[in-house]
Amino acid sequence: MRFMMLVCVDEDHSEADAAAAPSLEDWDKTIEAHGEWVIGDRLRPTEEARTVRVRGGELLVTDGPYTESKEWIAGFDVLEAPDIDAAIAIAAGHPMAYQGRIEVRAFWPFGPDERA
């Protein structure tokens, strides 16, 4: 199964948590060696983001992310794992699990009998 891992920055962590975090390089090497990493990258700062909506036939483009929050998405990774528990274990080894937040969610591919 494929899982999306959203890497989020927030200010709700201690310095001890940050100091205990593994290095990103070690995490990268481990998941690549196990064939669990598909693709991933960091994202440009939120100041460069645009939110796009169409309402009443009119294109509305807003600077920045849609929500006002101290938490923001810093990057993403697509993982290959047998189930959600394995994906959670992979995410738990990421440095941002110690000093940010990581959301893990399975892909829900469109199929011939399912478009919900």
PDB file of N, CA and C in Angstrom:
ATOM      1  N   MET A   1       0.844  -1.180   0.000  1.00  0.00           N
ATOM      2  CA  MET A   1       0.000   0.000   0.000  1.00  0.00           C
ATOM      3  C   MET A   1       0.883   1.234   0.000  1.00  0.00           C
ATOM      4  N   ARG A   2       0.351   2.274  -0.579  1.00  0.00           N
ATOM      5  CA  ARG A   2       1.049   3.567  -0.549  1.00  0.00           C
ATOM      6  C   ARG A   2       0.395   4.483   0.477  1.00  0.00           C
ATOM      7  N   PHE A   3       1.274   5.223   1.158  1.00  0.00           N
ATOM      8  CA  PHE A   3       0.835   6.157   2.184  1.00  0.00           C
ATOM      9  C   PHE A   3       1.462   7.517   1.936  1.00  0.00           C
ATOM     10  N   MET A   4       0.685   8.572   2.164  1.00  0.00           N
ATOM     11  CA  MET A   4       1.185   9.939   2.118  1.00  0.00           C
ATOM     12  C   MET A   4       1.574  10.309   3.537  1.00  0.00           C
ATOM     13  N   MET A   5       2.759  10.846   3.676  1.00  0.00           N
ATOM     14  CA  MET A   5       3.246  11.315   4.959  1.00  0.00           C
ATOM     15  C   MET A   5       3.429  12.819   4.833  1.00  0.00           C
ATOM     16  N   LEU A   6       2.578  13.601   5.493  1.00  0.00           N
ATOM     17  CA  LEU A   6       2.699  15.058   5.487  1.00  0.00           C
ATOM     18  C   LEU A   6       3.539  15.473   6.690  1.00  0.00           C
ATOM     19  N   VAL A   7       4.640  16.140   6.418  1.00  0.00           N
ATOM     20  CA  VAL A   7       5.572  16.566   7.458  1.00  0.00           C
ATOM     21  C   VAL A   7       5.211  18.003   7.839  1.00  0.00           C
ATOM     22  N   CYS A   8       4.761  18.184   9.071  1.00  0.00           N
ATOM     23  CA  CYS A   8       4.273  19.491   9.511  1.00  0.00           C
ATOM     24  C   CYS A   8       5.161  20.070  10.596  1.00  0.00           C
ATOM     25  N   VAL A   9       5.376  21.369  10.511  1.00  0.00           N
ATOM     26  CA  VAL A   9       6.145  22.106  11.505  1.00  0.00           C
ATOM     27  C   VAL A   9       5.155  22.730  12.474  1.00  0.00           C
ATOM     28  N   ASP A  10       5.463  22.645  13.751  1.00  0.00           N
ATOM     29  CA  ASP A  10       4.709  23.396  14.747  1.00  0.00           C
ATOM     30  C   ASP A  10       5.653  23.763  15.872  1.00  0.00           C
ATOM     31  N   GLU A  11       5.174  24.538  16.815  1.00  0.00           N
ATOM     32  CA  GLU A  11       6.039  25.007  17.892  1.00  0.00           C
ATOM     33  C   GLU A  11       5.796  24.241  19.183  1.00  0.00           C
ATOM     34  N   ASP A  12       5.052  23.138  19.124  1.00  0.00           N
ATOM     35  CA  ASP A  12       4.673  22.381  20.314  1.00  0.00           C
ATOM     36  C   ASP A  12       5.627  21.209  20.537  1.00  0.00           C
ATOM     37  N   HIS A  13       6.898  21.522  20.854  1.00  0.00           N
ATOM     38  CA  HIS A  13       7.882  20.483  21.171  1.00  0.00           C
ATOM     39  C   HIS A  13       8.909  21.064  22.125  1.00  0.00           C
ATOM     40  N   SER A  14       9.591  20.169  22.808  1.00  0.00           N
ATOM     41  CA  SER A  14      10.630  20.627  23.738  1.00  0.00           C
ATOM     42  C   SER A  14      11.992  20.511  23.075  1.00  0.00           C
ATOM     43  N   GLU A  15      12.945  21.186  23.638  1.00  0.00           N
ATOM     44  CA  GLU A  15      14.318  21.091  23.134  1.00  0.00           C
ATOM     45  C   GLU A  15      14.851  19.669  23.322  1.00  0.00           C
ATOM     46  N   ALA A  16      14.389  18.987  24.390  1.00  0.00           N
ATOM     47  CA  ALA A  16      14.817  17.606  24.621  1.00  0.00           C
ATOM     48  C   ALA A  16      14.311  16.704  23.494  1.00  0.00           C
ATOM     49  N   ASP A  17      13.067  16.937  23.044  1.00  0.00           N
ATOM     50  CA  ASP A  17      12.527  16.162  21.925  1.00  0.00           C
ATOM     51  C   ASP A  17      13.358  16.404  20.673  1.00  0.00           C
ATOM     52  N   ALA A  18      13.673  17.652  20.404  1.00  0.00           N
ATOM     53  CA  ALA A  18      14.465  17.993  19.215  1.00  0.00           C
ATOM     54  C   ALA A  18      15.847  17.360  19.289  1.00  0.00           C
ATOM     55  N   ALA A  19      16.458  17.367  20.473  1.00  0.00           N
ATOM     56  CA  ALA A  19      17.792  16.792  20.622  1.00  0.00           C
ATOM     57  C   ALA A  19      17.775  15.276  20.444  1.00  0.00           C
ATOM     58  N   ALA A  20      16.657  14.628  20.759  1.00  0.00           N
ATOM     59  CA  ALA A  20      16.543  13.172  20.646  1.00  0.00           C
ATOM     60  C   ALA A  20      16.234  12.718  19.220  1.00  0.00           C
ATOM     61  N   ALA A  21      15.915  13.644  18.351  1.00  0.00           N
ATOM     62  CA  ALA A  21      15.528  13.294  16.981  1.00  0.00           C
ATOM     63  C   ALA A  21      16.695  12.687  16.213  1.00  0.00           C
ATOM     64  N   PRO A  22      16.427  11.626  15.451  1.00  0.00           N
ATOM     65  CA  PRO A  22      17.477  11.070  14.593  1.00  0.00           C
ATOM     66  C   PRO A  22      17.775  12.034  13.451  1.00  0.00           C
ATOM     67  N   SER A  23      18.871  11.800  12.753  1.00  0.00           N
ATOM     68  CA  SER A  23      19.180  12.683  11.628  1.00  0.00           C
ATOM     69  C   SER A  23      18.314  12.314  10.426  1.00  0.00           C
ATOM     70  N   LEU A  24      17.994  13.311   9.634  1.00  0.00           N
ATOM     71  CA  LEU A  24      17.205  13.082   8.430  1.00  0.00           C
ATOM     72  C   LEU A  24      17.964  12.172   7.462  1.00  0.00           C
ATOM     73  N   GLU A  25      19.264  12.321   7.400  1.00  0.00           N
ATOM     74  CA  GLU A  25      20.074  11.498   6.502  1.00  0.00           C
ATOM     75  C   GLU A  25      19.972  10.023   6.877  1.00  0.00           C
ATOM     76  N   ASP A  26      20.010   9.712   8.173  1.00  0.00           N
ATOM     77  CA  ASP A  26      19.893   8.321   8.616  1.00  0.00           C
ATOM     78  C   ASP A  26      18.510   7.764   8.285  1.00  0.00           C
ATOM     79  N   TRP A  27      17.467   8.563   8.516  1.00  0.00           N
ATOM     80  CA  TRP A  27      16.103   8.131   8.194  1.00  0.00           C
ATOM     81  C   TRP A  27      15.981   7.852   6.703  1.00  0.00           C
ATOM     82  N   ASP A  28      16.481   8.776   5.884  1.00  0.00           N
ATOM     83  CA  ASP A  28      16.443   8.589   4.423  1.00  0.00           C
ATOM     84  C   ASP A  28      17.125   7.293   4.009  1.00  0.00           C
ATOM     85  N   LYS A  29      18.328   7.065   4.508  1.00  0.00           N
ATOM     86  CA  LYS A  29      19.088   5.865   4.144  1.00  0.00           C
ATOM     87  C   LYS A  29      18.343   4.597   4.539  1.00  0.00           C
ATOM     88  N   THR A  30      17.758   4.594   5.728  1.00  0.00           N
ATOM     89  CA  THR A  30      17.056   3.408   6.227  1.00  0.00           C
ATOM     90  C   THR A  30      15.843   3.066   5.377  1.00  0.00           C
ATOM     91  N   ILE A  31      14.980   4.058   5.110  1.00  0.00           N
ATOM     92  CA  ILE A  31      13.766   3.722   4.365  1.00  0.00           C
ATOM     93  C   ILE A  31      14.066   3.434   2.898  1.00  0.00           C
ATOM     94  N   GLU A  32      15.084   4.060   2.341  1.00  0.00           N
ATOM     95  CA  GLU A  32      15.483   3.737   0.964  1.00  0.00           C
ATOM     96  C   GLU A  32      16.036   2.322   0.891  1.00  0.00           C
ATOM     97  N   ALA A  33      16.837   1.931   1.873  1.00  0.00           N
ATOM     98  CA  ALA A  33      17.427   0.588   1.890  1.00  0.00           C
ATOM     99  C   ALA A  33      16.356  -0.497   2.006  1.00  0.00           C
ATOM    100  N   HIS A  34      15.249  -0.190   2.688  1.00  0.00           N
ATOM    101  CA  HIS A  34      14.164  -1.155   2.855  1.00  0.00           C
ATOM    102  C   HIS A  34      13.126  -1.073   1.730  1.00  0.00           C
ATOM    103  N   GLY A  35      13.328  -0.183   0.774  1.00  0.00           N
ATOM    104  CA  GLY A  35      12.382  -0.045  -0.335  1.00  0.00           C
ATOM    105  C   GLY A  35      11.056   0.567   0.067  1.00  0.00           C
ATOM    106  N   GLU A  36      11.058   1.367   1.135  1.00  0.00           N
ATOM    107  CA  GLU A  36       9.814   1.947   1.644  1.00  0.00           C
ATOM    108  C   GLU A  36       9.557   3.363   1.141  1.00  0.00           C
ATOM    109  N   TRP A  37      10.549   3.984   0.536  1.00  0.00           N
ATOM    110  CA  TRP A  37      10.415   5.363   0.076  1.00  0.00           C
ATOM    111  C   TRP A  37      10.104   5.376  -1.409  1.00  0.00           C
ATOM    112  N   VAL A  38       9.087   6.130  -1.799  1.00  0.00           N
ATOM    113  CA  VAL A  38       8.700   6.258  -3.206  1.00  0.00           C
ATOM    114  C   VAL A  38       9.172   7.598  -3.744  1.00  0.00           C
ATOM    115  N   ILE A  39       8.760   8.682  -3.086  1.00  0.00           N
ATOM    116  CA  ILE A  39       9.141  10.035  -3.482  1.00  0.00           C
ATOM    117  C   ILE A  39       8.880  10.964  -2.302  1.00  0.00           C
ATOM    118  N   GLY A  40       9.579  12.068  -2.270  1.00  0.00           N
ATOM    119  CA  GLY A  40       9.350  13.062  -1.225  1.00  0.00           C
ATOM    120  C   GLY A  40      10.184  14.285  -1.491  1.00  0.00           C
ATOM    121  N   ASP A  41       9.810  15.372  -0.858  1.00  0.00           N
ATOM    122  CA  ASP A  41      10.552  16.615  -1.015  1.00  0.00           C
ATOM    123  C   ASP A  41      10.071  17.603   0.025  1.00  0.00           C
ATOM    124  N   ARG A  42      10.856  18.642   0.219  1.00  0.00           N
ATOM    125  CA  ARG A  42      10.421  19.737   1.072  1.00  0.00           C
ATOM    126  C   ARG A  42       9.613  20.704   0.201  1.00  0.00           C
ATOM    127  N   LEU A  43       8.883  21.593   0.842  1.00  0.00           N
ATOM    128  CA  LEU A  43       8.066  22.575   0.133  1.00  0.00           C
ATOM    129  C   LEU A  43       8.597  23.978   0.399  1.00  0.00           C
ATOM    130  N   ARG A  44       8.368  24.871  -0.546  1.00  0.00           N
ATOM    131  CA  ARG A  44       8.770  26.265  -0.391  1.00  0.00           C
ATOM    132  C   ARG A  44       8.009  26.869   0.793  1.00  0.00           C
ATOM    133  N   PRO A  45       8.462  27.998   1.349  1.00  0.00           N
ATOM    134  CA  PRO A  45       7.802  28.627   2.505  1.00  0.00           C
ATOM    135  C   PRO A  45       6.344  28.974   2.230  1.00  0.00           C
ATOM    136  N   THR A  46       5.572  29.027   3.306  1.00  0.00           N
ATOM    137  CA  THR A  46       4.139  29.303   3.183  1.00  0.00           C
ATOM    138  C   THR A  46       3.865  30.659   2.542  1.00  0.00           C
ATOM    139  N   GLU A  47       4.802  31.605   2.669  1.00  0.00           N
ATOM    140  CA  GLU A  47       4.608  32.924   2.063  1.00  0.00           C
ATOM    141  C   GLU A  47       4.490  32.824   0.540  1.00  0.00           C
ATOM    142  N   GLU A  48       5.021  31.753  -0.035  1.00  0.00           N
ATOM    143  CA  GLU A  48       4.982  31.580  -1.489  1.00  0.00           C
ATOM    144  C   GLU A  48       3.795  30.718  -1.942  1.00  0.00           C
ATOM    145  N   ALA A  49       3.016  30.217  -0.991  1.00  0.00           N
ATOM    146  CA  ALA A  49       1.864  29.368  -1.328  1.00  0.00           C
ATOM    147  C   ALA A  49       0.701  30.203  -1.841  1.00  0.00           C
ATOM    148  N   ARG A  50      -0.142  29.588  -2.604  1.00  0.00           N
ATOM    149  CA  ARG A  50      -1.387  30.201  -3.063  1.00  0.00           C
ATOM    150  C   ARG A  50      -2.505  29.189  -2.847  1.00  0.00           C
ATOM    151  N   THR A  51      -3.649  29.673  -2.386  1.00  0.00           N
ATOM    152  CA  THR A  51      -4.843  28.839  -2.249  1.00  0.00           C
ATOM    153  C   THR A  51      -5.775  29.187  -3.395  1.00  0.00           C
ATOM    154  N   VAL A  52      -6.227  28.159  -4.106  1.00  0.00           N
ATOM    155  CA  VAL A  52      -7.047  28.344  -5.303  1.00  0.00           C
ATOM    156  C   VAL A  52      -8.446  27.801  -5.046  1.00  0.00           C
ATOM    157  N   ARG A  53      -9.468  28.620  -5.349  1.00  0.00           N
ATOM    158  CA  ARG A  53     -10.871  28.231  -5.238  1.00  0.00           C
ATOM    159  C   ARG A  53     -11.625  28.806  -6.424  1.00  0.00           C
ATOM    160  N   VAL A  54     -12.682  28.136  -6.808  1.00  0.00           N
ATOM    161  CA  VAL A  54     -13.607  28.679  -7.803  1.00  0.00           C
ATOM    162  C   VAL A  54     -14.968  28.738  -7.130  1.00  0.00           C
ATOM    163  N   ARG A  55     -15.537  29.925  -7.070  1.00  0.00           N
ATOM    164  CA  ARG A  55     -16.847  30.139  -6.450  1.00  0.00           C
ATOM    165  C   ARG A  55     -17.691  30.973  -7.396  1.00  0.00           C
ATOM    166  N   GLY A  56     -18.883  30.473  -7.689  1.00  0.00           N
ATOM    167  CA  GLY A  56     -19.774  31.204  -8.588  1.00  0.00           C
ATOM    168  C   GLY A  56     -19.142  31.449  -9.951  1.00  0.00           C
ATOM    169  N   GLY A  57     -18.294  30.519 -10.402  1.00  0.00           N
ATOM    170  CA  GLY A  57     -17.643  30.668 -11.694  1.00  0.00           C
ATOM    171  C   GLY A  57     -16.449  31.604 -11.694  1.00  0.00           C
ATOM    172  N   GLU A  58     -16.110  32.169 -10.529  1.00  0.00           N
ATOM    173  CA  GLU A  58     -15.004  33.112 -10.447  1.00  0.00           C
ATOM    174  C   GLU A  58     -13.795  32.454  -9.774  1.00  0.00           C
ATOM    175  N   LEU A  59     -12.620  32.641 -10.373  1.00  0.00           N
ATOM    176  CA  LEU A  59     -11.376  32.139  -9.811  1.00  0.00           C
ATOM    177  C   LEU A  59     -10.936  33.053  -8.681  1.00  0.00           C
ATOM    178  N   LEU A  60     -10.724  32.478  -7.501  1.00  0.00           N
ATOM    179  CA  LEU A  60     -10.267  33.224  -6.341  1.00  0.00           C
ATOM    180  C   LEU A  60      -8.911  32.661  -5.923  1.00  0.00           C
ATOM    181  N   VAL A  61      -7.895  33.487  -5.911  1.00  0.00           N
ATOM    182  CA  VAL A  61      -6.559  33.079  -5.513  1.00  0.00           C
ATOM    183  C   VAL A  61      -6.157  33.909  -4.299  1.00  0.00           C
ATOM    184  N   THR A  62      -5.800  33.215  -3.228  1.00  0.00           N
ATOM    185  CA  THR A  62      -5.429  33.861  -1.976  1.00  0.00           C
ATOM    186  C   THR A  62      -3.961  33.576  -1.690  1.00  0.00           C
ATOM    187  N   ASP A  63      -3.222  34.590  -1.235  1.00  0.00           N
ATOM    188  CA  ASP A  63      -1.831  34.379  -0.851  1.00  0.00           C
ATOM    189  C   ASP A  63      -1.773  33.496   0.386  1.00  0.00           C
ATOM    190  N   GLY A  64      -0.807  32.602   0.404  1.00  0.00           N
ATOM    191  CA  GLY A  64      -0.536  31.763   1.568  1.00  0.00           C
ATOM    192  C   GLY A  64      -1.492  30.596   1.705  1.00  0.00           C
ATOM    193  N   PRO A  65      -1.302  29.827   2.772  1.00  0.00           N
ATOM    194  CA  PRO A  65      -2.196  28.690   3.017  1.00  0.00           C
ATOM    195  C   PRO A  65      -3.573  29.176   3.438  1.00  0.00           C
ATOM    196  N   TYR A  66      -4.558  28.308   3.286  1.00  0.00           N
ATOM    197  CA  TYR A  66      -5.938  28.667   3.576  1.00  0.00           C
ATOM    198  C   TYR A  66      -6.157  28.942   5.057  1.00  0.00           C
ATOM    199  N   THR A  67      -5.525  28.162   5.937  1.00  0.00           N
ATOM    200  CA  THR A  67      -5.756  28.328   7.373  1.00  0.00           C
ATOM    201  C   THR A  67      -4.688  29.219   7.995  1.00  0.00           C
ATOM    202  N   GLU A  68      -5.057  29.880   9.048  1.00  0.00           N
ATOM    203  CA  GLU A  68      -4.116  30.676   9.834  1.00  0.00           C
ATOM    204  C   GLU A  68      -3.677  29.809  11.000  1.00  0.00           C
ATOM    205  N   SER A  69      -2.437  29.394  11.005  1.00  0.00           N
ATOM    206  CA  SER A  69      -1.959  28.473  12.015  1.00  0.00           C
ATOM    207  C   SER A  69      -0.446  28.581  12.143  1.00  0.00           C
ATOM    208  N   LYS A  70       0.066  28.229  13.324  1.00  0.00           N
ATOM    209  CA  LYS A  70       1.513  28.158  13.489  1.00  0.00           C
ATOM    210  C   LYS A  70       2.048  26.877  12.880  1.00  0.00           C
ATOM    211  N   GLU A  71       1.159  25.897  12.686  1.00  0.00           N
ATOM    212  CA  GLU A  71       1.532  24.630  12.065  1.00  0.00           C
ATOM    213  C   GLU A  71       1.440  24.782  10.548  1.00  0.00           C
ATOM    214  N   TRP A  72       2.430  24.255   9.822  1.00  0.00           N
ATOM    215  CA  TRP A  72       2.393  24.332   8.366  1.00  0.00           C
ATOM    216  C   TRP A  72       3.078  23.114   7.784  1.00  0.00           C
ATOM    217  N   ILE A  73       2.698  22.767   6.565  1.00  0.00           N
ATOM    218  CA  ILE A  73       3.263  21.605   5.900  1.00  0.00           C
ATOM    219  C   ILE A  73       4.613  21.990   5.316  1.00  0.00           C
ATOM    220  N   ALA A  74       5.656  21.313   5.780  1.00  0.00           N
ATOM    221  CA  ALA A  74       7.013  21.614   5.350  1.00  0.00           C
ATOM    222  C   ALA A  74       7.461  20.713   4.209  1.00  0.00           C
ATOM    223  N   GLY A  75       6.833  19.558   4.085  1.00  0.00           N
ATOM    224  CA  GLY A  75       7.224  18.629   3.044  1.00  0.00           C
ATOM    225  C   GLY A  75       6.344  17.404   3.061  1.00  0.00           C
ATOM    226  N   PHE A  76       6.696  16.438   2.232  1.00  0.00           N
ATOM    227  CA  PHE A  76       5.898  15.223   2.130  1.00  0.00           C
ATOM    228  C   PHE A  76       6.804  14.066   1.725  1.00  0.00           C
ATOM    229  N   ASP A  77       6.335  12.876   1.999  1.00  0.00           N
ATOM    230  CA  ASP A  77       6.960  11.663   1.503  1.00  0.00           C
ATOM    231  C   ASP A  77       5.845  10.696   1.147  1.00  0.00           C
ATOM    232  N   VAL A  78       6.044   9.942   0.099  1.00  0.00           N
ATOM    233  CA  VAL A  78       5.151   8.846  -0.251  1.00  0.00           C
ATOM    234  C   VAL A  78       5.887   7.577   0.141  1.00  0.00           C
ATOM    235  N   LEU A  79       5.223   6.775   0.957  1.00  0.00           N
ATOM    236  CA  LEU A  79       5.813   5.557   1.484  1.00  0.00           C
ATOM    237  C   LEU A  79       5.146   4.334   0.894  1.00  0.00           C
ATOM    238  N   GLU A  80       5.877   3.260   0.828  1.00  0.00           N
ATOM    239  CA  GLU A  80       5.335   1.956   0.460  1.00  0.00           C
ATOM    240  C   GLU A  80       5.437   1.099   1.715  1.00  0.00           C
ATOM    241  N   ALA A  81       4.292   0.645   2.231  1.00  0.00           N
ATOM    242  CA  ALA A  81       4.270  -0.146   3.454  1.00  0.00           C
ATOM    243  C   ALA A  81       3.106  -1.134   3.385  1.00  0.00           C
ATOM    244  N   PRO A  82       3.201  -2.251   4.099  1.00  0.00           N
ATOM    245  CA  PRO A  82       2.139  -3.250   4.031  1.00  0.00           C
ATOM    246  C   PRO A  82       0.825  -2.816   4.678  1.00  0.00           C
ATOM    247  N   ASP A  83       0.893  -1.923   5.686  1.00  0.00           N
ATOM    248  CA  ASP A  83      -0.324  -1.479   6.371  1.00  0.00           C
ATOM    249  C   ASP A  83      -0.042  -0.181   7.131  1.00  0.00           C
ATOM    250  N   ILE A  84      -1.087   0.370   7.745  1.00  0.00           N
ATOM    251  CA  ILE A  84      -0.964   1.655   8.440  1.00  0.00           C
ATOM    252  C   ILE A  84       0.008   1.562   9.616  1.00  0.00           C
ATOM    253  N   ASP A  85       0.039   0.434  10.303  1.00  0.00           N
ATOM    254  CA  ASP A  85       0.956   0.298  11.435  1.00  0.00           C
ATOM    255  C   ASP A  85       2.410   0.378  10.989  1.00  0.00           C
ATOM    256  N   ALA A  86       2.730  -0.249   9.871  1.00  0.00           N
ATOM    257  CA  ALA A  86       4.095  -0.172   9.334  1.00  0.00           C
ATOM    258  C   ALA A  86       4.413   1.251   8.900  1.00  0.00           C
ATOM    259  N   ALA A  87       3.445   1.949   8.294  1.00  0.00           N
ATOM    260  CA  ALA A  87       3.657   3.340   7.878  1.00  0.00           C
ATOM    261  C   ALA A  87       3.880   4.244   9.090  1.00  0.00           C
ATOM    262  N   ILE A  88       3.151   3.979  10.170  1.00  0.00           N
ATOM    263  CA  ILE A  88       3.331   4.753  11.398  1.00  0.00           C
ATOM    264  C   ILE A  88       4.730   4.523  11.967  1.00  0.00           C
ATOM    265  N   ALA A  89       5.199   3.287  11.931  1.00  0.00           N
ATOM    266  CA  ALA A  89       6.548   2.983  12.426  1.00  0.00           C
ATOM    267  C   ALA A  89       7.607   3.718  11.606  1.00  0.00           C
ATOM    268  N   ILE A  90       7.411   3.792  10.302  1.00  0.00           N
ATOM    269  CA  ILE A  90       8.348   4.528   9.446  1.00  0.00           C
ATOM    270  C   ILE A  90       8.317   6.016   9.805  1.00  0.00           C
ATOM    271  N   ALA A  91       7.114   6.576   9.940  1.00  0.00           N
ATOM    272  CA  ALA A  91       6.965   7.996  10.266  1.00  0.00           C
ATOM    273  C   ALA A  91       7.555   8.322  11.632  1.00  0.00           C
ATOM    274  N   ALA A  92       7.459   7.390  12.579  1.00  0.00           N
ATOM    275  CA  ALA A  92       7.969   7.629  13.932  1.00  0.00           C
ATOM    276  C   ALA A  92       9.481   7.796  13.950  1.00  0.00           C
ATOM    277  N   GLY A  93      10.169   7.311  12.923  1.00  0.00           N
ATOM    278  CA  GLY A  93      11.608   7.469  12.852  1.00  0.00           C
ATOM    279  C   GLY A  93      12.065   8.751  12.202  1.00  0.00           C
ATOM    280  N   HIS A  94      11.128   9.536  11.666  1.00  0.00           N
ATOM    281  CA  HIS A  94      11.464  10.799  11.002  1.00  0.00           C
ATOM    282  C   HIS A  94      11.761  11.863  12.059  1.00  0.00           C
ATOM    283  N   PRO A  95      12.781  12.690  11.849  1.00  0.00           N
ATOM    284  CA  PRO A  95      13.117  13.729  12.833  1.00  0.00           C
ATOM    285  C   PRO A  95      11.956  14.653  13.184  1.00  0.00           C
ATOM    286  N   MET A  96      11.096  14.934  12.234  1.00  0.00           N
ATOM    287  CA  MET A  96       9.996  15.866  12.523  1.00  0.00           C
ATOM    288  C   MET A  96       8.921  15.239  13.400  1.00  0.00           C
ATOM    289  N   ALA A  97       8.950  13.933  13.609  1.00  0.00           N
ATOM    290  CA  ALA A  97       8.037  13.327  14.575  1.00  0.00           C
ATOM    291  C   ALA A  97       8.408  13.787  15.990  1.00  0.00           C
ATOM    292  N   TYR A  98       9.664  14.201  16.168  1.00  0.00           N
ATOM    293  CA  TYR A  98      10.170  14.650  17.462  1.00  0.00           C
ATOM    294  C   TYR A  98       9.984  16.150  17.668  1.00  0.00           C
ATOM    295  N   GLN A  99       9.946  16.919  16.587  1.00  0.00           N
ATOM    296  CA  GLN A  99       9.904  18.372  16.744  1.00  0.00           C
ATOM    297  C   GLN A  99       8.844  19.028  15.869  1.00  0.00           C
ATOM    298  N   GLY A 100       7.945  18.239  15.363  1.00  0.00           N
ATOM    299  CA  GLY A 100       6.831  18.731  14.557  1.00  0.00           C
ATOM    300  C   GLY A 100       5.706  17.724  14.648  1.00  0.00           C
ATOM    301  N   ARG A 101       5.033  17.503  13.547  1.00  0.00           N
ATOM    302  CA  ARG A 101       3.955  16.513  13.485  1.00  0.00           C
ATOM    303  C   ARG A 101       3.994  15.855  12.125  1.00  0.00           C
ATOM    304  N   ILE A 102       3.590  14.609  12.083  1.00  0.00           N
ATOM    305  CA  ILE A 102       3.525  13.898  10.819  1.00  0.00           C
ATOM    306  C   ILE A 102       2.153  13.257  10.705  1.00  0.00           C
ATOM    307  N   GLU A 103       1.476  13.562   9.616  1.00  0.00           N
ATOM    308  CA  GLU A 103       0.194  12.918   9.328  1.00  0.00           C
ATOM    309  C   GLU A 103       0.459  11.808   8.323  1.00  0.00           C
ATOM    310  N   VAL A 104      -0.064  10.625   8.608  1.00  0.00           N
ATOM    311  CA  VAL A 104       0.087   9.477   7.717  1.00  0.00           C
ATOM    312  C   VAL A 104      -1.307   9.055   7.269  1.00  0.00           C
ATOM    313  N   ARG A 105      -1.467   8.957   5.945  1.00  0.00           N
ATOM    314  CA  ARG A 105      -2.779   8.585   5.409  1.00  0.00           C
ATOM    315  C   ARG A 105      -2.602   7.735   4.165  1.00  0.00           C
ATOM    316  N   ALA A 106      -3.370   6.651   4.074  1.00  0.00           N
ATOM    317  CA  ALA A 106      -3.287   5.759   2.909  1.00  0.00           C
ATOM    318  C   ALA A 106      -3.862   6.436   1.676  1.00  0.00           C
ATOM    319  N   PHE A 107      -3.260   6.137   0.542  1.00  0.00           N
ATOM    320  CA  PHE A 107      -3.846   6.571  -0.721  1.00  0.00           C
ATOM    321  C   PHE A 107      -5.159   5.826  -0.912  1.00  0.00           C
ATOM    322  N   TRP A 108      -6.097   6.446  -1.588  1.00  0.00           N
ATOM    323  CA  TRP A 108      -7.393   5.850  -1.861  1.00  0.00           C
ATOM    324  C   TRP A 108      -7.604   5.937  -3.370  1.00  0.00           C
ATOM    325  N   PRO A 109      -6.988   5.024  -4.112  1.00  0.00           N
ATOM    326  CA  PRO A 109      -7.021   5.132  -5.565  1.00  0.00           C
ATOM    327  C   PRO A 109      -8.432   4.988  -6.122  1.00  0.00           C
ATOM    328  N   PHE A 110      -8.665   5.711  -7.221  1.00  0.00           N
ATOM    329  CA  PHE A 110      -9.911   5.556  -7.942  1.00  0.00           C
ATOM    330  C   PHE A 110      -9.894   4.212  -8.641  1.00  0.00           C
ATOM    331  N   GLY A 111     -10.998   3.500  -8.556  1.00  0.00           N
ATOM    332  CA  GLY A 111     -11.111   2.213  -9.243  1.00  0.00           C
ATOM    333  C   GLY A 111     -12.336   2.237 -10.132  1.00  0.00           C
ATOM    334  N   PRO A 112     -12.502   1.198 -10.959  1.00  0.00           N
ATOM    335  CA  PRO A 112     -13.638   1.180 -11.888  1.00  0.00           C
ATOM    336  C   PRO A 112     -14.980   1.146 -11.179  1.00  0.00           C
ATOM    337  N   ASP A 113     -15.018   0.601  -9.930  1.00  0.00           N
ATOM    338  CA  ASP A 113     -16.298   0.488  -9.212  1.00  0.00           C
ATOM    339  C   ASP A 113     -16.422   1.474  -8.067  1.00  0.00           C
ATOM    340  N   GLU A 114     -15.426   2.325  -7.879  1.00  0.00           N
ATOM    341  CA  GLU A 114     -15.427   3.191  -6.705  1.00  0.00           C
ATOM    342  C   GLU A 114     -14.860   4.572  -7.049  1.00  0.00           C
ATOM    343  N   ARG A 115     -15.678   5.609  -6.888  1.00  0.00           N
ATOM    344  CA  ARG A 115     -15.217   6.980  -7.129  1.00  0.00           C
ATOM    345  C   ARG A 115     -15.692   7.899  -6.021  1.00  0.00           C
ATOM    346  N   ALA A 116     -15.661   7.392  -4.780  1.00  0.00           N
ATOM    347  CA  ALA A 116     -16.134   8.205  -3.648  1.00  0.00           C
ATOM    348  C   ALA A 116     -14.983   8.639  -2.798  1.00  0.00           C
TER     349      ALA A 116
END
